[in-house]
Amino acid sequence: MRPVVALRWTVLVLVVLVVALQLRLWTGTAGMPGVQRLEDRIARQRAENEALRQRNDALAADVADLKSGQEAIEDRARQELGMTRPGETFYQVIEATPPEATSESR
Protein backbone atom coordinates (compact mmCIF):
# COMPACT_ATOMS: atom_id res chain seq x y z
CA MET A 1 0.00 0.00 0.00
CA ARG A 2 2.91 2.36 0.59
CA PRO A 3 4.02 2.56 -3.08
CA VAL A 4 0.48 3.57 -4.10
CA VAL A 5 0.44 6.43 -1.55
CA ALA A 6 3.88 7.62 -2.68
CA LEU A 7 2.74 7.47 -6.30
CA ARG A 8 -0.38 9.52 -5.49
CA TRP A 9 1.71 12.19 -3.76
CA THR A 10 4.12 12.28 -6.66
CA VAL A 11 1.28 12.67 -9.16
CA LEU A 12 -0.33 15.35 -6.99
CA VAL A 13 2.96 17.29 -6.75
CA LEU A 14 3.47 17.03 -10.51
CA VAL A 15 -0.10 18.21 -11.23
CA VAL A 16 0.34 21.21 -8.89
CA LEU A 17 3.67 22.00 -10.54
CA VAL A 18 2.15 21.84 -14.05
CA VAL A 19 -0.78 24.06 -12.98
CA ALA A 20 1.63 26.59 -11.42
CA LEU A 21 3.76 26.66 -14.57
CA GLN A 22 0.70 27.06 -16.81
CA LEU A 23 -0.62 29.85 -14.61
CA ARG A 24 2.70 31.67 -14.82
CA LEU A 25 2.84 31.12 -18.59
CA TRP A 26 -0.58 32.62 -19.25
CA THR A 27 -0.62 35.43 -16.67
CA GLY A 28 2.97 36.28 -15.76
CA THR A 29 4.96 39.20 -17.17
CA ALA A 30 7.32 36.82 -18.94
CA GLY A 31 4.41 34.77 -20.27
CA MET A 32 2.04 35.19 -23.18
CA PRO A 33 0.92 38.77 -22.38
CA GLY A 34 4.54 39.89 -22.21
CA VAL A 35 5.31 38.19 -25.50
CA GLN A 36 2.31 39.90 -27.13
CA ARG A 37 3.43 43.31 -25.84
CA LEU A 38 6.91 42.74 -27.23
CA GLU A 39 5.53 41.65 -30.59
CA ASP A 40 3.42 44.82 -30.73
CA ARG A 41 6.45 46.97 -29.94
CA ILE A 42 8.46 45.17 -32.63
CA ALA A 43 5.71 45.80 -35.21
CA ARG A 44 5.54 49.51 -34.32
CA GLN A 45 9.33 49.82 -34.46
CA ARG A 46 9.47 48.10 -37.85
CA ALA A 47 6.84 50.50 -39.22
CA GLU A 48 8.79 53.47 -37.87
CA ASN A 49 12.03 52.10 -39.30
CA GLU A 50 10.40 51.66 -42.72
CA ALA A 51 9.13 55.26 -42.70
CA LEU A 52 12.58 56.52 -41.73
CA ARG A 53 14.19 54.32 -44.39
CA GLN A 54 11.92 55.83 -47.06
CA ARG A 55 12.75 59.34 -45.83
CA ASN A 56 16.48 58.53 -45.92
CA ASP A 57 16.16 57.15 -49.46
CA ALA A 58 14.40 60.32 -50.59
CA LEU A 59 17.10 62.49 -49.01
CA ALA A 60 19.85 60.36 -50.54
CA ALA A 61 18.23 60.73 -53.96
CA ASP A 62 18.00 64.48 -53.42
CA VAL A 63 21.68 64.68 -52.46
CA ALA A 64 22.70 62.58 -55.47
CA ASP A 65 20.61 64.82 -57.72
CA LEU A 66 22.24 67.95 -56.30
CA LYS A 67 25.71 66.45 -56.74
CA SER A 68 25.06 65.30 -60.30
CA GLY A 69 24.48 68.59 -62.02
CA GLN A 70 23.77 72.27 -62.09
CA GLU A 71 20.14 71.90 -63.13
CA ALA A 72 19.00 70.57 -59.76
CA ILE A 73 20.92 73.28 -57.93
CA GLU A 74 19.43 75.94 -60.19
CA ASP A 75 15.90 74.61 -59.68
CA ARG A 76 16.36 74.61 -55.92
CA ALA A 77 17.77 78.16 -55.93
CA ARG A 78 14.86 79.40 -58.05
CA GLN A 79 12.16 77.72 -55.95
CA GLU A 80 13.48 78.23 -52.44
CA LEU A 81 15.52 81.41 -52.72
CA GLY A 82 13.73 83.22 -55.56
CA MET A 83 16.95 83.65 -57.50
CA THR A 84 17.00 84.65 -61.17
CA ARG A 85 19.55 84.55 -63.93
CA PRO A 86 21.22 87.72 -65.12
CA GLY A 87 18.92 89.46 -67.58
CA GLU A 88 15.76 87.78 -66.27
CA THR A 89 12.93 89.73 -64.70
CA PHE A 90 11.03 88.25 -61.77
CA TYR A 91 7.34 89.09 -61.37
CA GLN A 92 5.50 88.18 -58.20
CA VAL A 93 1.72 88.10 -58.42
CA ILE A 94 -0.13 88.73 -55.19
CA GLU A 95 -3.79 87.82 -55.32
CA ALA A 96 -6.23 90.19 -53.66
CA THR A 97 -8.07 88.90 -50.63
CA PRO A 98 -11.85 88.78 -51.00
CA PRO A 99 -13.64 91.53 -49.00
CA GLU A 100 -15.61 89.08 -46.82
CA ALA A 101 -12.36 87.42 -45.67
CA THR A 102 -10.96 90.74 -44.44
CA SER A 103 -14.14 91.57 -42.45
CA GLU A 104 -14.07 88.15 -40.74
CA SER A 105 -10.48 88.57 -39.56
CA ARG A 106 -11.36 91.72 -37.58
C-alpha atoms as a PDB file:
ATOM      1  CA  MET A   1       0.000   0.000   0.000  1.00  0.00           C
ATOM      2  CA  ARG A   2       2.914   2.357   0.587  1.00  0.00           C
ATOM      3  CA  PRO A   3       4.018   2.560  -3.083  1.00  0.00           C
ATOM      4  CA  VAL A   4       0.482   3.574  -4.104  1.00  0.00           C
ATOM      5  CA  VAL A   5       0.437   6.433  -1.548  1.00  0.00           C
ATOM      6  CA  ALA A   6       3.876   7.616  -2.685  1.00  0.00           C
ATOM      7  CA  LEU A   7       2.736   7.473  -6.305  1.00  0.00           C
ATOM      8  CA  ARG A   8      -0.382   9.523  -5.489  1.00  0.00           C
ATOM      9  CA  TRP A   9       1.711  12.188  -3.762  1.00  0.00           C
ATOM     10  CA  THR A  10       4.124  12.284  -6.659  1.00  0.00           C
ATOM     11  CA  VAL A  11       1.283  12.668  -9.157  1.00  0.00           C
ATOM     12  CA  LEU A  12      -0.325  15.348  -6.987  1.00  0.00           C
ATOM     13  CA  VAL A  13       2.957  17.295  -6.748  1.00  0.00           C
ATOM     14  CA  LEU A  14       3.465  17.033 -10.510  1.00  0.00           C
ATOM     15  CA  VAL A  15      -0.101  18.214 -11.228  1.00  0.00           C
ATOM     16  CA  VAL A  16       0.341  21.210  -8.888  1.00  0.00           C
ATOM     17  CA  LEU A  17       3.666  22.003 -10.542  1.00  0.00           C
ATOM     18  CA  VAL A  18       2.147  21.844 -14.050  1.00  0.00           C
ATOM     19  CA  VAL A  19      -0.783  24.063 -12.982  1.00  0.00           C
ATOM     20  CA  ALA A  20       1.626  26.589 -11.422  1.00  0.00           C
ATOM     21  CA  LEU A  21       3.762  26.659 -14.565  1.00  0.00           C
ATOM     22  CA  GLN A  22       0.700  27.063 -16.807  1.00  0.00           C
ATOM     23  CA  LEU A  23      -0.616  29.854 -14.610  1.00  0.00           C
ATOM     24  CA  ARG A  24       2.704  31.666 -14.818  1.00  0.00           C
ATOM     25  CA  LEU A  25       2.836  31.117 -18.591  1.00  0.00           C
ATOM     26  CA  TRP A  26      -0.585  32.619 -19.250  1.00  0.00           C
ATOM     27  CA  THR A  27      -0.619  35.432 -16.674  1.00  0.00           C
ATOM     28  CA  GLY A  28       2.972  36.275 -15.759  1.00  0.00           C
ATOM     29  CA  THR A  29       4.960  39.196 -17.169  1.00  0.00           C
ATOM     30  CA  ALA A  30       7.321  36.819 -18.941  1.00  0.00           C
ATOM     31  CA  GLY A  31       4.405  34.770 -20.270  1.00  0.00           C
ATOM     32  CA  MET A  32       2.041  35.187 -23.179  1.00  0.00           C
ATOM     33  CA  PRO A  33       0.916  38.769 -22.381  1.00  0.00           C
ATOM     34  CA  GLY A  34       4.537  39.888 -22.209  1.00  0.00           C
ATOM     35  CA  VAL A  35       5.314  38.194 -25.497  1.00  0.00           C
ATOM     36  CA  GLN A  36       2.314  39.899 -27.130  1.00  0.00           C
ATOM     37  CA  ARG A  37       3.431  43.314 -25.840  1.00  0.00           C
ATOM     38  CA  LEU A  38       6.913  42.739 -27.227  1.00  0.00           C
ATOM     39  CA  GLU A  39       5.530  41.650 -30.594  1.00  0.00           C
ATOM     40  CA  ASP A  40       3.416  44.822 -30.727  1.00  0.00           C
ATOM     41  CA  ARG A  41       6.449  46.969 -29.937  1.00  0.00           C
ATOM     42  CA  ILE A  42       8.456  45.173 -32.633  1.00  0.00           C
ATOM     43  CA  ALA A  43       5.713  45.799 -35.209  1.00  0.00           C
ATOM     44  CA  ARG A  44       5.543  49.514 -34.315  1.00  0.00           C
ATOM     45  CA  GLN A  45       9.332  49.820 -34.463  1.00  0.00           C
ATOM     46  CA  ARG A  46       9.467  48.098 -37.850  1.00  0.00           C
ATOM     47  CA  ALA A  47       6.840  50.499 -39.219  1.00  0.00           C
ATOM     48  CA  GLU A  48       8.785  53.470 -37.870  1.00  0.00           C
ATOM     49  CA  ASN A  49      12.029  52.100 -39.304  1.00  0.00           C
ATOM     50  CA  GLU A  50      10.400  51.664 -42.720  1.00  0.00           C
ATOM     51  CA  ALA A  51       9.128  55.264 -42.700  1.00  0.00           C
ATOM     52  CA  LEU A  52      12.585  56.518 -41.734  1.00  0.00           C
ATOM     53  CA  ARG A  53      14.194  54.320 -44.394  1.00  0.00           C
ATOM     54  CA  GLN A  54      11.920  55.834 -47.056  1.00  0.00           C
ATOM     55  CA  ARG A  55      12.754  59.336 -45.828  1.00  0.00           C
ATOM     56  CA  ASN A  56      16.480  58.535 -45.925  1.00  0.00           C
ATOM     57  CA  ASP A  57      16.156  57.148 -49.458  1.00  0.00           C
ATOM     58  CA  ALA A  58      14.397  60.325 -50.594  1.00  0.00           C
ATOM     59  CA  LEU A  59      17.096  62.492 -49.006  1.00  0.00           C
ATOM     60  CA  ALA A  60      19.849  60.363 -50.541  1.00  0.00           C
ATOM     61  CA  ALA A  61      18.231  60.732 -53.964  1.00  0.00           C
ATOM     62  CA  ASP A  62      17.996  64.479 -53.417  1.00  0.00           C
ATOM     63  CA  VAL A  63      21.682  64.679 -52.460  1.00  0.00           C
ATOM     64  CA  ALA A  64      22.696  62.582 -55.467  1.00  0.00           C
ATOM     65  CA  ASP A  65      20.606  64.819 -57.718  1.00  0.00           C
ATOM     66  CA  LEU A  66      22.243  67.945 -56.298  1.00  0.00           C
ATOM     67  CA  LYS A  67      25.714  66.446 -56.737  1.00  0.00           C
ATOM     68  CA  SER A  68      25.064  65.304 -60.296  1.00  0.00           C
ATOM     69  CA  GLY A  69      24.480  68.591 -62.019  1.00  0.00           C
ATOM     70  CA  GLN A  70      23.768  72.271 -62.085  1.00  0.00           C
ATOM     71  CA  GLU A  71      20.138  71.900 -63.130  1.00  0.00           C
ATOM     72  CA  ALA A  72      19.005  70.574 -59.764  1.00  0.00           C
ATOM     73  CA  ILE A  73      20.924  73.284 -57.931  1.00  0.00           C
ATOM     74  CA  GLU A  74      19.429  75.939 -60.185  1.00  0.00           C
ATOM     75  CA  ASP A  75      15.898  74.614 -59.678  1.00  0.00           C
ATOM     76  CA  ARG A  76      16.357  74.607 -55.915  1.00  0.00           C
ATOM     77  CA  ALA A  77      17.767  78.161 -55.932  1.00  0.00           C
ATOM     78  CA  ARG A  78      14.857  79.397 -58.054  1.00  0.00           C
ATOM     79  CA  GLN A  79      12.159  77.720 -55.946  1.00  0.00           C
ATOM     80  CA  GLU A  80      13.481  78.230 -52.444  1.00  0.00           C
ATOM     81  CA  LEU A  81      15.524  81.405 -52.723  1.00  0.00           C
ATOM     82  CA  GLY A  82      13.726  83.222 -55.558  1.00  0.00           C
ATOM     83  CA  MET A  83      16.952  83.652 -57.503  1.00  0.00           C
ATOM     84  CA  THR A  84      16.997  84.654 -61.173  1.00  0.00           C
ATOM     85  CA  ARG A  85      19.553  84.546 -63.930  1.00  0.00           C
ATOM     86  CA  PRO A  86      21.223  87.719 -65.115  1.00  0.00           C
ATOM     87  CA  GLY A  87      18.915  89.456 -67.580  1.00  0.00           C
ATOM     88  CA  GLU A  88      15.757  87.775 -66.269  1.00  0.00           C
ATOM     89  CA  THR A  89      12.930  89.727 -64.700  1.00  0.00           C
ATOM     90  CA  PHE A  90      11.026  88.254 -61.771  1.00  0.00           C
ATOM     91  CA  TYR A  91       7.342  89.086 -61.373  1.00  0.00           C
ATOM     92  CA  GLN A  92       5.498  88.185 -58.199  1.00  0.00           C
ATOM     93  CA  VAL A  93       1.723  88.099 -58.422  1.00  0.00           C
ATOM     94  CA  ILE A  94      -0.129  88.728 -55.186  1.00  0.00           C
ATOM     95  CA  GLU A  95      -3.790  87.816 -55.319  1.00  0.00           C
ATOM     96  CA  ALA A  96      -6.230  90.190 -53.660  1.00  0.00           C
ATOM     97  CA  THR A  97      -8.071  88.898 -50.627  1.00  0.00           C
ATOM     98  CA  PRO A  98     -11.846  88.777 -50.997  1.00  0.00           C
ATOM     99  CA  PRO A  99     -13.643  91.528 -49.004  1.00  0.00           C
ATOM    100  CA  GLU A 100     -15.606  89.077 -46.824  1.00  0.00           C
ATOM    101  CA  ALA A 101     -12.359  87.415 -45.673  1.00  0.00           C
ATOM    102  CA  THR A 102     -10.958  90.735 -44.439  1.00  0.00           C
ATOM    103  CA  SER A 103     -14.137  91.566 -42.451  1.00  0.00           C
ATOM    104  CA  GLU A 104     -14.069  88.148 -40.737  1.00  0.00           C
ATOM    105  CA  SER A 105     -10.484  88.574 -39.562  1.00  0.00           C
ATOM    106  CA  ARG A 106     -11.365  91.725 -37.581  1.00  0.00           C
END
